[in-house]
Amino acid sequence: MAQAVLAKTVLRLVFEKGMDEKGKPVFKAKTFTNVKKDATTDQLHQAAQALASLCNDPLNSIERNDSNEIIG
C-alpha cells in the first residue's frame, strides 16, 4: 500500500504592494523554505506576524504549502 511522507514545508507571505492603474490591488509574495515540518499552525502564524512586522507593506495572507512524497 502506498504512503504519503511529508517531504518539505514552505511558508508563503503575501503582501499588498498597492493599487494598479485600474484600482485593483497588487500583491507580492515572499517564500520561506526550510520550515520545520512539524511546525504547528499557531507557530507559523506567530512567525509570519513577526516577519510581517519588519516589512513596510501590509500582510494580506499567510500560506503553508506542504509537499509529500508518495512511496509504495
N, C-alpha and C. Protein backbone atom coordinates (compact mmCIF):
# COMPACT_ATOMS: atom_id res chain seq x y z
N MET A 1 0.84 -1.18 0.00
CA MET A 1 0.00 0.00 0.00
C MET A 1 0.88 1.24 0.00
N ALA A 2 0.54 2.21 -0.79
CA ALA A 2 1.32 3.45 -0.91
C ALA A 2 1.10 4.34 0.31
N GLN A 3 2.13 5.11 0.63
CA GLN A 3 2.06 6.05 1.74
C GLN A 3 2.54 7.42 1.27
N ALA A 4 2.01 8.45 1.91
CA ALA A 4 2.48 9.82 1.66
C ALA A 4 3.34 10.23 2.84
N VAL A 5 4.57 10.64 2.54
CA VAL A 5 5.51 11.08 3.57
C VAL A 5 5.80 12.56 3.34
N LEU A 6 5.63 13.36 4.39
CA LEU A 6 5.87 14.80 4.28
C LEU A 6 7.33 15.06 3.92
N ALA A 7 7.57 15.67 2.77
CA ALA A 7 8.92 15.92 2.28
C ALA A 7 9.44 17.30 2.68
N LYS A 8 8.59 18.33 2.54
CA LYS A 8 9.03 19.68 2.93
C LYS A 8 7.82 20.58 3.17
N THR A 9 8.06 21.63 3.94
CA THR A 9 7.05 22.64 4.24
C THR A 9 7.60 24.00 3.84
N VAL A 10 6.77 24.80 3.20
CA VAL A 10 7.15 26.15 2.76
C VAL A 10 6.13 27.13 3.33
N LEU A 11 6.63 28.24 3.85
CA LEU A 11 5.78 29.32 4.35
C LEU A 11 5.79 30.45 3.34
N ARG A 12 4.61 30.90 2.94
CA ARG A 12 4.49 31.96 1.93
C ARG A 12 3.67 33.11 2.51
N LEU A 13 4.27 34.30 2.50
CA LEU A 13 3.60 35.51 2.97
C LEU A 13 3.25 36.36 1.75
N VAL A 14 2.01 36.79 1.67
CA VAL A 14 1.56 37.61 0.55
C VAL A 14 1.28 39.01 1.08
N PHE A 15 1.94 40.00 0.48
CA PHE A 15 1.82 41.39 0.88
C PHE A 15 1.09 42.19 -0.19
N GLU A 16 0.35 43.20 0.23
CA GLU A 16 -0.32 44.11 -0.70
C GLU A 16 0.62 45.28 -0.97
N LYS A 17 1.05 45.41 -2.22
CA LYS A 17 2.03 46.43 -2.61
C LYS A 17 1.38 47.76 -2.99
N GLY A 18 0.09 47.77 -3.23
CA GLY A 18 -0.58 48.99 -3.64
C GLY A 18 -1.67 48.67 -4.64
N MET A 19 -1.98 49.66 -5.47
CA MET A 19 -3.04 49.50 -6.47
C MET A 19 -2.47 49.73 -7.86
N ASP A 20 -3.05 49.03 -8.84
CA ASP A 20 -2.66 49.27 -10.22
C ASP A 20 -3.48 50.42 -10.79
N GLU A 21 -3.31 50.69 -12.07
CA GLU A 21 -3.99 51.82 -12.69
C GLU A 21 -5.51 51.64 -12.77
N LYS A 22 -5.99 50.40 -12.62
CA LYS A 22 -7.42 50.12 -12.65
C LYS A 22 -8.02 50.05 -11.24
N GLY A 23 -7.20 50.31 -10.24
CA GLY A 23 -7.69 50.30 -8.87
C GLY A 23 -7.73 48.93 -8.22
N LYS A 24 -7.12 47.94 -8.87
CA LYS A 24 -7.08 46.60 -8.30
C LYS A 24 -5.80 46.44 -7.48
N PRO A 25 -5.87 45.68 -6.39
CA PRO A 25 -4.68 45.52 -5.55
C PRO A 25 -3.59 44.72 -6.25
N VAL A 26 -2.34 45.10 -5.96
CA VAL A 26 -1.17 44.41 -6.49
C VAL A 26 -0.52 43.67 -5.31
N PHE A 27 -0.23 42.39 -5.51
CA PHE A 27 0.32 41.57 -4.44
C PHE A 27 1.74 41.14 -4.77
N LYS A 28 2.53 40.93 -3.71
CA LYS A 28 3.88 40.41 -3.85
C LYS A 28 4.06 39.35 -2.77
N ALA A 29 4.63 38.22 -3.14
CA ALA A 29 4.79 37.12 -2.18
C ALA A 29 6.26 36.93 -1.83
N LYS A 30 6.48 36.53 -0.60
CA LYS A 30 7.81 36.16 -0.12
C LYS A 30 7.71 34.74 0.41
N THR A 31 8.58 33.86 -0.07
CA THR A 31 8.55 32.45 0.30
C THR A 31 9.73 32.10 1.19
N PHE A 32 9.45 31.36 2.24
CA PHE A 32 10.48 30.91 3.18
C PHE A 32 10.53 29.39 3.14
N THR A 33 11.69 28.85 2.77
CA THR A 33 11.88 27.40 2.72
C THR A 33 12.57 26.94 4.00
N ASN A 34 12.83 25.67 4.10
CA ASN A 34 13.48 25.07 5.27
C ASN A 34 12.68 25.30 6.55
N VAL A 35 11.37 25.30 6.43
CA VAL A 35 10.49 25.42 7.59
C VAL A 35 10.39 24.05 8.24
N LYS A 36 10.40 24.01 9.56
CA LYS A 36 10.27 22.74 10.27
C LYS A 36 8.96 22.07 9.86
N LYS A 37 9.04 20.82 9.48
CA LYS A 37 7.86 20.09 9.01
C LYS A 37 6.82 19.92 10.11
N ASP A 38 7.28 19.86 11.36
CA ASP A 38 6.34 19.64 12.46
C ASP A 38 5.85 20.93 13.11
N ALA A 39 6.11 22.08 12.46
CA ALA A 39 5.64 23.37 12.99
C ALA A 39 4.12 23.40 12.99
N THR A 40 3.55 23.89 14.08
CA THR A 40 2.10 23.97 14.18
C THR A 40 1.59 25.20 13.44
N THR A 41 0.29 25.23 13.24
CA THR A 41 -0.34 26.39 12.59
C THR A 41 -0.12 27.65 13.40
N ASP A 42 -0.26 27.55 14.72
CA ASP A 42 -0.03 28.71 15.58
C ASP A 42 1.41 29.21 15.50
N GLN A 43 2.37 28.30 15.47
CA GLN A 43 3.77 28.69 15.37
C GLN A 43 4.06 29.40 14.05
N LEU A 44 3.51 28.88 12.97
CA LEU A 44 3.72 29.52 11.67
C LEU A 44 3.04 30.89 11.62
N HIS A 45 1.87 31.00 12.23
CA HIS A 45 1.18 32.29 12.26
C HIS A 45 1.99 33.31 13.05
N GLN A 46 2.53 32.92 14.20
CA GLN A 46 3.35 33.83 15.00
C GLN A 46 4.60 34.26 14.24
N ALA A 47 5.24 33.30 13.57
CA ALA A 47 6.45 33.62 12.80
C ALA A 47 6.12 34.58 11.66
N ALA A 48 5.00 34.33 10.98
CA ALA A 48 4.59 35.19 9.87
C ALA A 48 4.28 36.60 10.35
N GLN A 49 3.60 36.72 11.47
CA GLN A 49 3.28 38.04 12.02
C GLN A 49 4.56 38.78 12.41
N ALA A 50 5.52 38.07 12.99
CA ALA A 50 6.79 38.70 13.37
C ALA A 50 7.54 39.17 12.14
N LEU A 51 7.59 38.35 11.10
CA LEU A 51 8.26 38.75 9.86
C LEU A 51 7.54 39.91 9.19
N ALA A 52 6.23 39.89 9.18
CA ALA A 52 5.45 40.95 8.55
C ALA A 52 5.64 42.29 9.26
N SER A 53 5.88 42.24 10.57
CA SER A 53 6.07 43.49 11.31
C SER A 53 7.36 44.20 10.89
N LEU A 54 8.27 43.48 10.24
CA LEU A 54 9.52 44.07 9.77
C LEU A 54 9.40 44.65 8.37
N CYS A 55 8.25 44.46 7.74
CA CYS A 55 8.05 44.91 6.37
C CYS A 55 7.18 46.16 6.32
N ASN A 56 7.33 46.92 5.25
CA ASN A 56 6.57 48.15 5.07
C ASN A 56 5.15 47.91 4.57
N ASP A 57 4.97 46.85 3.77
CA ASP A 57 3.68 46.58 3.15
C ASP A 57 2.79 45.76 4.07
N PRO A 58 1.47 45.96 4.00
CA PRO A 58 0.56 45.19 4.86
C PRO A 58 0.48 43.73 4.41
N LEU A 59 0.42 42.85 5.39
CA LEU A 59 0.30 41.42 5.14
C LEU A 59 -1.13 41.11 4.72
N ASN A 60 -1.27 40.42 3.58
CA ASN A 60 -2.60 40.07 3.07
C ASN A 60 -2.98 38.64 3.45
N SER A 61 -2.05 37.71 3.32
CA SER A 61 -2.37 36.32 3.65
C SER A 61 -1.11 35.54 3.99
N ILE A 62 -1.34 34.43 4.70
CA ILE A 62 -0.27 33.52 5.10
C ILE A 62 -0.64 32.16 4.54
N GLU A 63 0.31 31.51 3.86
CA GLU A 63 0.04 30.21 3.26
C GLU A 63 1.08 29.20 3.70
N ARG A 64 0.63 27.99 3.95
CA ARG A 64 1.53 26.87 4.25
C ARG A 64 1.39 25.88 3.11
N ASN A 65 2.50 25.56 2.47
CA ASN A 65 2.49 24.60 1.37
C ASN A 65 3.33 23.39 1.76
N ASP A 66 2.68 22.26 1.92
CA ASP A 66 3.35 21.01 2.24
C ASP A 66 3.49 20.17 0.98
N SER A 67 4.68 19.58 0.80
CA SER A 67 4.92 18.67 -0.31
C SER A 67 5.11 17.28 0.26
N ASN A 68 4.42 16.32 -0.34
CA ASN A 68 4.51 14.94 0.11
C ASN A 68 5.16 14.08 -0.95
N GLU A 69 5.90 13.09 -0.49
CA GLU A 69 6.48 12.10 -1.38
C GLU A 69 5.65 10.82 -1.25
N ILE A 70 5.25 10.27 -2.37
CA ILE A 70 4.47 9.05 -2.36
C ILE A 70 5.43 7.86 -2.52
N ILE A 71 5.40 6.99 -1.54
CA ILE A 71 6.25 5.81 -1.60
C ILE A 71 5.37 4.57 -1.55
N GLY A 72 5.81 3.54 -2.18
CA GLY A 72 4.95 2.37 -2.22
C GLY A 72 5.73 1.13 -2.09
